[in-house]
């Protein structure tokens, strides 16, 4: 079973982006995820979850949420080469407390 951590950006079924919120206690193969697009919370089977993988907008280096940090403010994956997160900088949103 894949190992995820709270706050990690992931893809659900290779399309929807979500943040890992918790591991479901009564259903160990399931993770609670908060979808980025509509902020809803769902329990999802681990087989539908994969790390977010893309290229850095700034330098083009590969980013991978299974090895690179997810920013707790803007929820973008930190580039391991240039250190960039979100283009234009972090923008606080509904996921963070005031």
PDB file of N, CA and C in Angstrom:
ATOM      1  N   UNK A   1       0.851  -1.182   0.000  1.00  0.00           N
ATOM      2  CA  UNK A   1       0.000   0.000   0.000  1.00  0.00           C
ATOM      3  C   UNK A   1       0.891   1.237   0.000  1.00  0.00           C
ATOM      4  N   UNK A   2       0.523   2.234  -0.792  1.00  0.00           N
ATOM      5  CA  UNK A   2       1.297   3.470  -0.895  1.00  0.00           C
ATOM      6  C   UNK A   2       1.277   4.233   0.420  1.00  0.00           C
ATOM      7  N   UNK A   3       2.359   4.934   0.675  1.00  0.00           N
ATOM      8  CA  UNK A   3       2.452   5.744   1.880  1.00  0.00           C
ATOM      9  C   UNK A   3       2.296   7.212   1.514  1.00  0.00           C
ATOM     10  N   UNK A   4       1.352   7.868   2.146  1.00  0.00           N
ATOM     11  CA  UNK A   4       1.113   9.286   1.924  1.00  0.00           C
ATOM     12  C   UNK A   4       1.228  10.004   3.252  1.00  0.00           C
ATOM     13  N   UNK A   5       1.375  11.314   3.215  1.00  0.00           N
ATOM     14  CA  UNK A   5       1.456  12.082   4.448  1.00  0.00           C
ATOM     15  C   UNK A   5       0.477  13.244   4.418  1.00  0.00           C
ATOM     16  N   UNK A   6       0.021  13.649   5.588  1.00  0.00           N
ATOM     17  CA  UNK A   6      -0.946  14.732   5.702  1.00  0.00           C
ATOM     18  C   UNK A   6      -0.379  15.988   5.039  1.00  0.00           C
ATOM     19  N   UNK A   7      -1.208  16.627   4.212  1.00  0.00           N
ATOM     20  CA  UNK A   7      -0.809  17.845   3.528  1.00  0.00           C
ATOM     21  C   UNK A   7      -0.171  17.629   2.170  1.00  0.00           C
ATOM     22  N   UNK A   8       0.049  16.361   1.790  1.00  0.00           N
ATOM     23  CA  UNK A   8       0.685  16.054   0.498  1.00  0.00           C
ATOM     24  C   UNK A   8      -0.302  16.270  -0.646  1.00  0.00           C
ATOM     25  N   UNK A   9       0.170  16.922  -1.708  1.00  0.00           N
ATOM     26  CA  UNK A   9      -0.637  17.084  -2.915  1.00  0.00           C
ATOM     27  C   UNK A   9      -0.607  15.778  -3.692  1.00  0.00           C
ATOM     28  N   UNK A  10      -1.774  15.310  -4.123  1.00  0.00           N
ATOM     29  CA  UNK A  10      -1.879  14.051  -4.868  1.00  0.00           C
ATOM     30  C   UNK A  10      -2.871  14.214  -6.013  1.00  0.00           C
ATOM     31  N   UNK A  11      -2.883  13.216  -6.896  1.00  0.00           N
ATOM     32  CA  UNK A  11      -3.887  13.149  -7.964  1.00  0.00           C
ATOM     33  C   UNK A  11      -4.808  11.975  -7.648  1.00  0.00           C
ATOM     34  N   UNK A  12      -6.089  12.166  -7.898  1.00  0.00           N
ATOM     35  CA  UNK A  12      -7.077  11.108  -7.719  1.00  0.00           C
ATOM     36  C   UNK A  12      -7.474  10.629  -9.108  1.00  0.00           C
ATOM     37  N   UNK A  13      -7.239   9.343  -9.362  1.00  0.00           N
ATOM     38  CA  UNK A  13      -7.516   8.747 -10.677  1.00  0.00           C
ATOM     39  C   UNK A  13      -6.862   9.539 -11.807  1.00  0.00           C
ATOM     40  N   UNK A  14      -5.653  10.025 -11.563  1.00  0.00           N
ATOM     41  CA  UNK A  14      -4.835  10.757 -12.542  1.00  0.00           C
ATOM     42  C   UNK A  14      -5.461  12.038 -13.080  1.00  0.00           C
ATOM     43  N   UNK A  15      -6.447  12.606 -12.389  1.00  0.00           N
ATOM     44  CA  UNK A  15      -6.997  13.863 -12.897  1.00  0.00           C
ATOM     45  C   UNK A  15      -7.236  14.888 -11.798  1.00  0.00           C
ATOM     46  N   UNK A  16      -8.104  14.603 -10.831  1.00  0.00           N
ATOM     47  CA  UNK A  16      -8.421  15.590  -9.801  1.00  0.00           C
ATOM     48  C   UNK A  16      -7.273  15.727  -8.811  1.00  0.00           C
ATOM     49  N   UNK A  17      -6.951  16.977  -8.477  1.00  0.00           N
ATOM     50  CA  UNK A  17      -5.918  17.214  -7.485  1.00  0.00           C
ATOM     51  C   UNK A  17      -6.566  17.346  -6.109  1.00  0.00           C
ATOM     52  N   UNK A  18      -5.865  16.805  -5.099  1.00  0.00           N
ATOM     53  CA  UNK A  18      -6.389  16.821  -3.743  1.00  0.00           C
ATOM     54  C   UNK A  18      -5.238  16.860  -2.756  1.00  0.00           C
ATOM     55  N   UNK A  19      -5.558  17.175  -1.508  1.00  0.00           N
ATOM     56  CA  UNK A  19      -4.590  17.132  -0.425  1.00  0.00           C
ATOM     57  C   UNK A  19      -4.947  15.976   0.498  1.00  0.00           C
ATOM     58  N   UNK A  20      -3.949  15.241   0.931  1.00  0.00           N
ATOM     59  CA  UNK A  20      -4.184  14.186   1.915  1.00  0.00           C
ATOM     60  C   UNK A  20      -4.534  14.854   3.241  1.00  0.00           C
ATOM     61  N   UNK A  21      -5.659  14.491   3.831  1.00  0.00           N
ATOM     62  CA  UNK A  21      -6.097  15.082   5.092  1.00  0.00           C
ATOM     63  C   UNK A  21      -5.881  14.137   6.276  1.00  0.00           C
ATOM     64  N   UNK A  22      -6.125  12.845   6.080  1.00  0.00           N
ATOM     65  CA  UNK A  22      -5.953  11.867   7.157  1.00  0.00           C
ATOM     66  C   UNK A  22      -6.053  10.465   6.585  1.00  0.00           C
ATOM     67  N   UNK A  23      -5.593   9.472   7.353  1.00  0.00           N
ATOM     68  CA  UNK A  23      -5.802   8.080   6.978  1.00  0.00           C
ATOM     69  C   UNK A  23      -7.026   7.589   7.740  1.00  0.00           C
ATOM     70  N   UNK A  24      -7.953   6.990   7.036  1.00  0.00           N
ATOM     71  CA  UNK A  24      -9.195   6.521   7.652  1.00  0.00           C
ATOM     72  C   UNK A  24      -8.880   5.384   8.625  1.00  0.00           C
ATOM     73  N   UNK A  25      -9.276   5.530   9.874  1.00  0.00           N
ATOM     74  CA  UNK A  25      -8.958   4.543  10.918  1.00  0.00           C
ATOM     75  C   UNK A  25      -9.707   3.232  10.741  1.00  0.00           C
ATOM     76  N   UNK A  26     -10.973   3.295  10.429  1.00  0.00           N
ATOM     77  CA  UNK A  26     -11.781   2.078  10.320  1.00  0.00           C
ATOM     78  C   UNK A  26     -11.653   1.412   8.957  1.00  0.00           C
ATOM     79  N   UNK A  27     -11.044   2.103   8.014  1.00  0.00           N
ATOM     80  CA  UNK A  27     -10.835   1.566   6.669  1.00  0.00           C
ATOM     81  C   UNK A  27      -9.384   1.840   6.290  1.00  0.00           C
ATOM     82  N   UNK A  28      -8.444   1.008   6.721  1.00  0.00           N
ATOM     83  CA  UNK A  28      -7.019   1.305   6.568  1.00  0.00           C
ATOM     84  C   UNK A  28      -6.526   1.474   5.140  1.00  0.00           C
ATOM     85  N   UNK A  29      -7.221   0.985   4.158  1.00  0.00           N
ATOM     86  CA  UNK A  29      -6.797   1.152   2.763  1.00  0.00           C
ATOM     87  C   UNK A  29      -7.331   2.456   2.167  1.00  0.00           C
ATOM     88  N   UNK A  30      -7.980   3.284   2.984  1.00  0.00           N
ATOM     89  CA  UNK A  30      -8.578   4.527   2.513  1.00  0.00           C
ATOM     90  C   UNK A  30      -7.911   5.736   3.149  1.00  0.00           C
ATOM     91  N   UNK A  31      -7.873   6.823   2.376  1.00  0.00           N
ATOM     92  CA  UNK A  31      -7.331   8.096   2.836  1.00  0.00           C
ATOM     93  C   UNK A  31      -8.396   9.167   2.686  1.00  0.00           C
ATOM     94  N   UNK A  32      -8.486  10.047   3.670  1.00  0.00           N
ATOM     95  CA  UNK A  32      -9.360  11.208   3.570  1.00  0.00           C
ATOM     96  C   UNK A  32      -8.639  12.266   2.758  1.00  0.00           C
ATOM     97  N   UNK A  33      -9.254  12.735   1.688  1.00  0.00           N
ATOM     98  CA  UNK A  33      -8.639  13.752   0.841  1.00  0.00           C
ATOM     99  C   UNK A  33      -9.584  14.943   0.698  1.00  0.00           C
ATOM    100  N   UNK A  34      -9.002  16.128   0.578  1.00  0.00           N
ATOM    101  CA  UNK A  34      -9.756  17.348   0.323  1.00  0.00           C
ATOM    102  C   UNK A  34      -9.452  17.776  -1.097  1.00  0.00           C
ATOM    103  N   UNK A  35     -10.474  17.787  -1.941  1.00  0.00           N
ATOM    104  CA  UNK A  35     -10.286  18.163  -3.338  1.00  0.00           C
ATOM    105  C   UNK A  35      -9.971  19.647  -3.451  1.00  0.00           C
ATOM    106  N   UNK A  36      -8.980  19.979  -4.286  1.00  0.00           N
ATOM    107  CA  UNK A  36      -8.553  21.358  -4.464  1.00  0.00           C
ATOM    108  C   UNK A  36      -9.633  22.204  -5.130  1.00  0.00           C
ATOM    109  N   UNK A  37     -10.326  21.656  -6.127  1.00  0.00           N
ATOM    110  CA  UNK A  37     -11.267  22.457  -6.909  1.00  0.00           C
ATOM    111  C   UNK A  37     -12.532  22.851  -6.162  1.00  0.00           C
ATOM    112  N   UNK A  38     -13.044  21.992  -5.287  1.00  0.00           N
ATOM    113  CA  UNK A  38     -14.302  22.337  -4.614  1.00  0.00           C
ATOM    114  C   UNK A  38     -14.242  22.223  -3.088  1.00  0.00           C
ATOM    115  N   UNK A  39     -13.067  21.934  -2.548  1.00  0.00           N
ATOM    116  CA  UNK A  39     -12.815  21.888  -1.097  1.00  0.00           C
ATOM    117  C   UNK A  39     -13.640  20.844  -0.354  1.00  0.00           C
ATOM    118  N   UNK A  40     -14.179  19.832  -1.065  1.00  0.00           N
ATOM    119  CA  UNK A  40     -14.950  18.783  -0.404  1.00  0.00           C
ATOM    120  C   UNK A  40     -14.012  17.695   0.106  1.00  0.00           C
ATOM    121  N   UNK A  41     -14.443  17.014   1.142  1.00  0.00           N
ATOM    122  CA  UNK A  41     -13.662  15.961   1.777  1.00  0.00           C
ATOM    123  C   UNK A  41     -14.289  14.610   1.467  1.00  0.00           C
ATOM    124  N   UNK A  42     -13.469  13.650   1.030  1.00  0.00           N
ATOM    125  CA  UNK A  42     -13.946  12.311   0.701  1.00  0.00           C
ATOM    126  C   UNK A  42     -12.928  11.275   1.153  1.00  0.00           C
ATOM    127  N   UNK A  43     -13.398  10.061   1.442  1.00  0.00           N
ATOM    128  CA  UNK A  43     -12.499   8.938   1.681  1.00  0.00           C
ATOM    129  C   UNK A  43     -12.294   8.223   0.350  1.00  0.00           C
ATOM    130  N   UNK A  44     -11.030   7.990  -0.003  1.00  0.00           N
ATOM    131  CA  UNK A  44     -10.685   7.421  -1.302  1.00  0.00           C
ATOM    132  C   UNK A  44      -9.761   6.225  -1.099  1.00  0.00           C
ATOM    133  N   UNK A  45     -10.004   5.148  -1.817  1.00  0.00           N
ATOM    134  CA  UNK A  45      -9.144   3.965  -1.739  1.00  0.00           C
ATOM    135  C   UNK A  45      -7.755   4.304  -2.265  1.00  0.00           C
ATOM    136  N   UNK A  46      -6.726   3.794  -1.607  1.00  0.00           N
ATOM    137  CA  UNK A  46      -5.343   4.137  -1.973  1.00  0.00           C
ATOM    138  C   UNK A  46      -5.000   3.802  -3.419  1.00  0.00           C
ATOM    139  N   UNK A  47      -5.680   2.842  -4.030  1.00  0.00           N
ATOM    140  CA  UNK A  47      -5.373   2.473  -5.413  1.00  0.00           C
ATOM    141  C   UNK A  47      -5.758   3.567  -6.418  1.00  0.00           C
ATOM    142  N   UNK A  48      -6.604   4.516  -5.987  1.00  0.00           N
ATOM    143  CA  UNK A  48      -7.006   5.626  -6.855  1.00  0.00           C
ATOM    144  C   UNK A  48      -6.131   6.863  -6.665  1.00  0.00           C
ATOM    145  N   UNK A  49      -5.205   6.813  -5.701  1.00  0.00           N
ATOM    146  CA  UNK A  49      -4.379   7.974  -5.357  1.00  0.00           C
ATOM    147  C   UNK A  49      -2.960   7.775  -5.874  1.00  0.00           C
ATOM    148  N   UNK A  50      -2.420   8.802  -6.501  1.00  0.00           N
ATOM    149  CA  UNK A  50      -1.022   8.763  -6.939  1.00  0.00           C
ATOM    150  C   UNK A  50      -0.364  10.099  -6.608  1.00  0.00           C
ATOM    151  N   UNK A  51       0.959  10.113  -6.433  1.00  0.00           N
ATOM    152  CA  UNK A  51       1.643  11.379  -6.166  1.00  0.00           C
ATOM    153  C   UNK A  51       1.459  12.346  -7.340  1.00  0.00           C
ATOM    154  N   UNK A  52       1.474  13.625  -7.043  1.00  0.00           N
ATOM    155  CA  UNK A  52       1.405  14.646  -8.079  1.00  0.00           C
ATOM    156  C   UNK A  52       2.782  14.758  -8.716  1.00  0.00           C
ATOM    157  N   UNK A  53       2.857  14.627 -10.032  1.00  0.00           N
ATOM    158  CA  UNK A  53       4.112  14.749 -10.763  1.00  0.00           C
ATOM    159  C   UNK A  53       3.911  15.728 -11.915  1.00  0.00           C
ATOM    160  N   UNK A  54       4.842  16.654 -12.039  1.00  0.00           N
ATOM    161  CA  UNK A  54       4.736  17.662 -13.088  1.00  0.00           C
ATOM    162  C   UNK A  54       6.108  18.268 -13.308  1.00  0.00           C
ATOM    163  N   UNK A  55       6.165  19.384 -14.023  1.00  0.00           N
ATOM    164  CA  UNK A  55       7.405  20.121 -14.246  1.00  0.00           C
ATOM    165  C   UNK A  55       7.304  21.479 -13.573  1.00  0.00           C
ATOM    166  N   UNK A  56       8.418  21.972 -13.063  1.00  0.00           N
ATOM    167  CA  UNK A  56       8.462  23.292 -12.434  1.00  0.00           C
ATOM    168  C   UNK A  56       8.167  24.363 -13.475  1.00  0.00           C
ATOM    169  N   UNK A  57       7.314  25.298 -13.136  1.00  0.00           N
ATOM    170  CA  UNK A  57       6.969  26.403 -14.041  1.00  0.00           C
ATOM    171  C   UNK A  57       8.169  27.315 -14.269  1.00  0.00           C
ATOM    172  N   UNK A  58       9.099  27.351 -13.312  1.00  0.00           N
ATOM    173  CA  UNK A  58      10.209  28.292 -13.368  1.00  0.00           C
ATOM    174  C   UNK A  58      11.424  27.752 -14.130  1.00  0.00           C
ATOM    175  N   UNK A  59      11.833  26.517 -13.812  1.00  0.00           N
ATOM    176  CA  UNK A  59      13.065  25.989 -14.418  1.00  0.00           C
ATOM    177  C   UNK A  59      12.849  24.730 -15.243  1.00  0.00           C
ATOM    178  N   UNK A  60      11.650  24.138 -15.170  1.00  0.00           N
ATOM    179  CA  UNK A  60      11.351  22.956 -15.964  1.00  0.00           C
ATOM    180  C   UNK A  60      11.763  21.635 -15.348  1.00  0.00           C
ATOM    181  N   UNK A  61      12.372  21.670 -14.172  1.00  0.00           N
ATOM    182  CA  UNK A  61      12.786  20.434 -13.500  1.00  0.00           C
ATOM    183  C   UNK A  61      11.560  19.629 -13.069  1.00  0.00           C
ATOM    184  N   UNK A  62      11.677  18.308 -12.988  1.00  0.00           N
ATOM    185  CA  UNK A  62      10.543  17.508 -12.528  1.00  0.00           C
ATOM    186  C   UNK A  62      10.272  17.720 -11.037  1.00  0.00           C
ATOM    187  N   UNK A  63       8.981  17.803 -10.680  1.00  0.00           N
ATOM    188  CA  UNK A  63       8.561  17.864  -9.282  1.00  0.00           C
ATOM    189  C   UNK A  63       7.674  16.655  -9.003  1.00  0.00           C
ATOM    190  N   UNK A  64       7.785  16.121  -7.801  1.00  0.00           N
ATOM    191  CA  UNK A  64       7.081  14.893  -7.425  1.00  0.00           C
ATOM    192  C   UNK A  64       6.691  15.006  -5.959  1.00  0.00           C
ATOM    193  N   UNK A  65       5.389  14.997  -5.673  1.00  0.00           N
ATOM    194  CA  UNK A  65       4.940  15.188  -4.294  1.00  0.00           C
ATOM    195  C   UNK A  65       5.296  14.033  -3.368  1.00  0.00           C
ATOM    196  N   UNK A  66       5.751  12.900  -3.913  1.00  0.00           N
ATOM    197  CA  UNK A  66       6.152  11.798  -3.038  1.00  0.00           C
ATOM    198  C   UNK A  66       7.549  12.033  -2.455  1.00  0.00           C
ATOM    199  N   UNK A  67       8.333  12.910  -3.086  1.00  0.00           N
ATOM    200  CA  UNK A  67       9.686  13.188  -2.596  1.00  0.00           C
ATOM    201  C   UNK A  67       9.925  14.665  -2.304  1.00  0.00           C
ATOM    202  N   UNK A  68       9.158  15.559  -2.917  1.00  0.00           N
ATOM    203  CA  UNK A  68       9.336  16.999  -2.730  1.00  0.00           C
ATOM    204  C   UNK A  68       8.221  17.544  -1.839  1.00  0.00           C
ATOM    205  N   UNK A  69       8.525  18.608  -1.098  1.00  0.00           N
ATOM    206  CA  UNK A  69       7.582  19.183  -0.136  1.00  0.00           C
ATOM    207  C   UNK A  69       6.399  19.851  -0.813  1.00  0.00           C
ATOM    208  N   UNK A  70       5.220  19.723  -0.197  1.00  0.00           N
ATOM    209  CA  UNK A  70       4.030  20.453  -0.617  1.00  0.00           C
ATOM    210  C   UNK A  70       3.894  21.655   0.299  1.00  0.00           C
ATOM    211  N   UNK A  71       3.764  22.839  -0.275  1.00  0.00           N
ATOM    212  CA  UNK A  71       3.645  24.062   0.515  1.00  0.00           C
ATOM    213  C   UNK A  71       2.328  24.057   1.299  1.00  0.00           C
ATOM    214  N   UNK A  72       2.368  24.318   2.614  1.00  0.00           N
ATOM    215  CA  UNK A  72       1.138  24.327   3.401  1.00  0.00           C
ATOM    216  C   UNK A  72       0.258  25.552   3.132  1.00  0.00           C
ATOM    217  N   UNK A  73       0.768  26.553   2.411  1.00  0.00           N
ATOM    218  CA  UNK A  73      -0.002  27.759   2.126  1.00  0.00           C
ATOM    219  C   UNK A  73      -0.646  27.691   0.747  1.00  0.00           C
ATOM    220  N   UNK A  74       0.164  27.497  -0.311  1.00  0.00           N
ATOM    221  CA  UNK A  74      -0.388  27.525  -1.674  1.00  0.00           C
ATOM    222  C   UNK A  74      -0.664  26.129  -2.229  1.00  0.00           C
ATOM    223  N   UNK A  75      -0.165  25.079  -1.549  1.00  0.00           N
ATOM    224  CA  UNK A  75      -0.405  23.677  -1.905  1.00  0.00           C
ATOM    225  C   UNK A  75       0.263  23.247  -3.204  1.00  0.00           C
ATOM    226  N   UNK A  76       1.269  23.982  -3.651  1.00  0.00           N
ATOM    227  CA  UNK A  76       2.047  23.581  -4.805  1.00  0.00           C
ATOM    228  C   UNK A  76       3.281  22.853  -4.309  1.00  0.00           C
ATOM    229  N   UNK A  77       3.847  22.023  -5.155  1.00  0.00           N
ATOM    230  CA  UNK A  77       5.026  21.238  -4.795  1.00  0.00           C
ATOM    231  C   UNK A  77       6.279  22.082  -5.024  1.00  0.00           C
ATOM    232  N   UNK A  78       7.166  22.086  -4.027  1.00  0.00           N
ATOM    233  CA  UNK A  78       8.404  22.865  -4.102  1.00  0.00           C
ATOM    234  C   UNK A  78       9.385  22.207  -5.071  1.00  0.00           C
ATOM    235  N   UNK A  79       9.922  23.005  -5.989  1.00  0.00           N
ATOM    236  CA  UNK A  79      10.899  22.499  -6.956  1.00  0.00           C
ATOM    237  C   UNK A  79      12.200  22.167  -6.225  1.00  0.00           C
ATOM    238  N   UNK A  80      12.738  20.956  -6.417  1.00  0.00           N
ATOM    239  CA  UNK A  80      13.970  20.576  -5.736  1.00  0.00           C
ATOM    240  C   UNK A  80      15.207  21.268  -6.317  1.00  0.00           C
ATOM    241  N   UNK A  81      15.078  21.894  -7.480  1.00  0.00           N
ATOM    242  CA  UNK A  81      16.220  22.545  -8.130  1.00  0.00           C
ATOM    243  C   UNK A  81      16.276  24.039  -7.811  1.00  0.00           C
ATOM    244  N   UNK A  82      15.195  24.771  -8.122  1.00  0.00           N
ATOM    245  CA  UNK A  82      15.221  26.231  -7.942  1.00  0.00           C
ATOM    246  C   UNK A  82      14.460  26.704  -6.700  1.00  0.00           C
ATOM    247  N   UNK A  83      13.686  25.819  -6.064  1.00  0.00           N
ATOM    248  CA  UNK A  83      12.960  26.175  -4.847  1.00  0.00           C
ATOM    249  C   UNK A  83      11.639  26.892  -5.072  1.00  0.00           C
ATOM    250  N   UNK A  84      11.192  27.019  -6.325  1.00  0.00           N
ATOM    251  CA  UNK A  84       9.937  27.717  -6.611  1.00  0.00           C
ATOM    252  C   UNK A  84       8.727  26.895  -6.177  1.00  0.00           C
ATOM    253  N   UNK A  85       7.693  27.609  -5.731  1.00  0.00           N
ATOM    254  CA  UNK A  85       6.396  27.007  -5.466  1.00  0.00           C
ATOM    255  C   UNK A  85       5.446  27.496  -6.556  1.00  0.00           C
ATOM    256  N   UNK A  86       4.450  28.205  -6.178  1.00  0.00           N
ATOM    257  CA  UNK A  86       3.435  28.726  -7.098  1.00  0.00           C
ATOM    258  C   UNK A  86       3.968  29.937  -7.864  1.00  0.00           C
ATOM    259  N   UNK A  87       3.649  30.014  -9.144  1.00  0.00           N
ATOM    260  CA  UNK A  87       4.053  31.168  -9.949  1.00  0.00           C
ATOM    261  C   UNK A  87       3.409  32.417  -9.360  1.00  0.00           C
ATOM    262  N   UNK A  88       4.209  33.424  -9.099  1.00  0.00           N
ATOM    263  CA  UNK A  88       3.703  34.646  -8.484  1.00  0.00           C
ATOM    264  C   UNK A  88       3.763  34.608  -6.964  1.00  0.00           C
ATOM    265  N   UNK A  89       4.196  33.487  -6.389  1.00  0.00           N
ATOM    266  CA  UNK A  89       4.322  33.365  -4.936  1.00  0.00           C
ATOM    267  C   UNK A  89       3.123  32.694  -4.295  1.00  0.00           C
ATOM    268  N   UNK A  90       3.268  32.370  -3.042  1.00  0.00           N
ATOM    269  CA  UNK A  90       2.206  31.705  -2.295  1.00  0.00           C
ATOM    270  C   UNK A  90       1.025  32.646  -2.106  1.00  0.00           C
ATOM    271  N   UNK A  91      -0.166  32.096  -2.244  1.00  0.00           N
ATOM    272  CA  UNK A  91      -1.395  32.858  -2.051  1.00  0.00           C
ATOM    273  C   UNK A  91      -2.228  32.108  -1.026  1.00  0.00           C
ATOM    274  N   UNK A  92      -2.524  32.748   0.088  1.00  0.00           N
ATOM    275  CA  UNK A  92      -3.291  32.122   1.157  1.00  0.00           C
ATOM    276  C   UNK A  92      -4.721  31.839   0.675  1.00  0.00           C
ATOM    277  N   UNK A  93      -5.250  30.661   1.033  1.00  0.00           N
ATOM    278  CA  UNK A  93      -6.612  30.336   0.609  1.00  0.00           C
ATOM    279  C   UNK A  93      -7.400  29.693   1.744  1.00  0.00           C
ATOM    280  N   UNK A  94      -8.523  29.098   1.427  1.00  0.00           N
ATOM    281  CA  UNK A  94      -9.420  28.549   2.431  1.00  0.00           C
ATOM    282  C   UNK A  94      -8.857  27.359   3.214  1.00  0.00           C
ATOM    283  N   UNK A  95      -7.767  26.725   2.708  1.00  0.00           N
ATOM    284  CA  UNK A  95      -7.218  25.570   3.417  1.00  0.00           C
ATOM    285  C   UNK A  95      -6.485  26.000   4.686  1.00  0.00           C
ATOM    286  N   UNK A  96      -6.003  27.226   4.752  1.00  0.00           N
ATOM    287  CA  UNK A  96      -5.190  27.658   5.882  1.00  0.00           C
ATOM    288  C   UNK A  96      -6.034  28.490   6.832  1.00  0.00           C
ATOM    289  N   UNK A  97      -5.670  28.442   8.083  1.00  0.00           N
ATOM    290  CA  UNK A  97      -6.364  29.245   9.091  1.00  0.00           C
ATOM    291  C   UNK A  97      -5.802  30.665   9.085  1.00  0.00           C
ATOM    292  N   UNK A  98      -6.605  31.657   9.461  1.00  0.00           N
ATOM    293  CA  UNK A  98      -6.117  33.036   9.497  1.00  0.00           C
ATOM    294  C   UNK A  98      -5.016  33.216  10.533  1.00  0.00           C
TER     295      UNK A  98
END
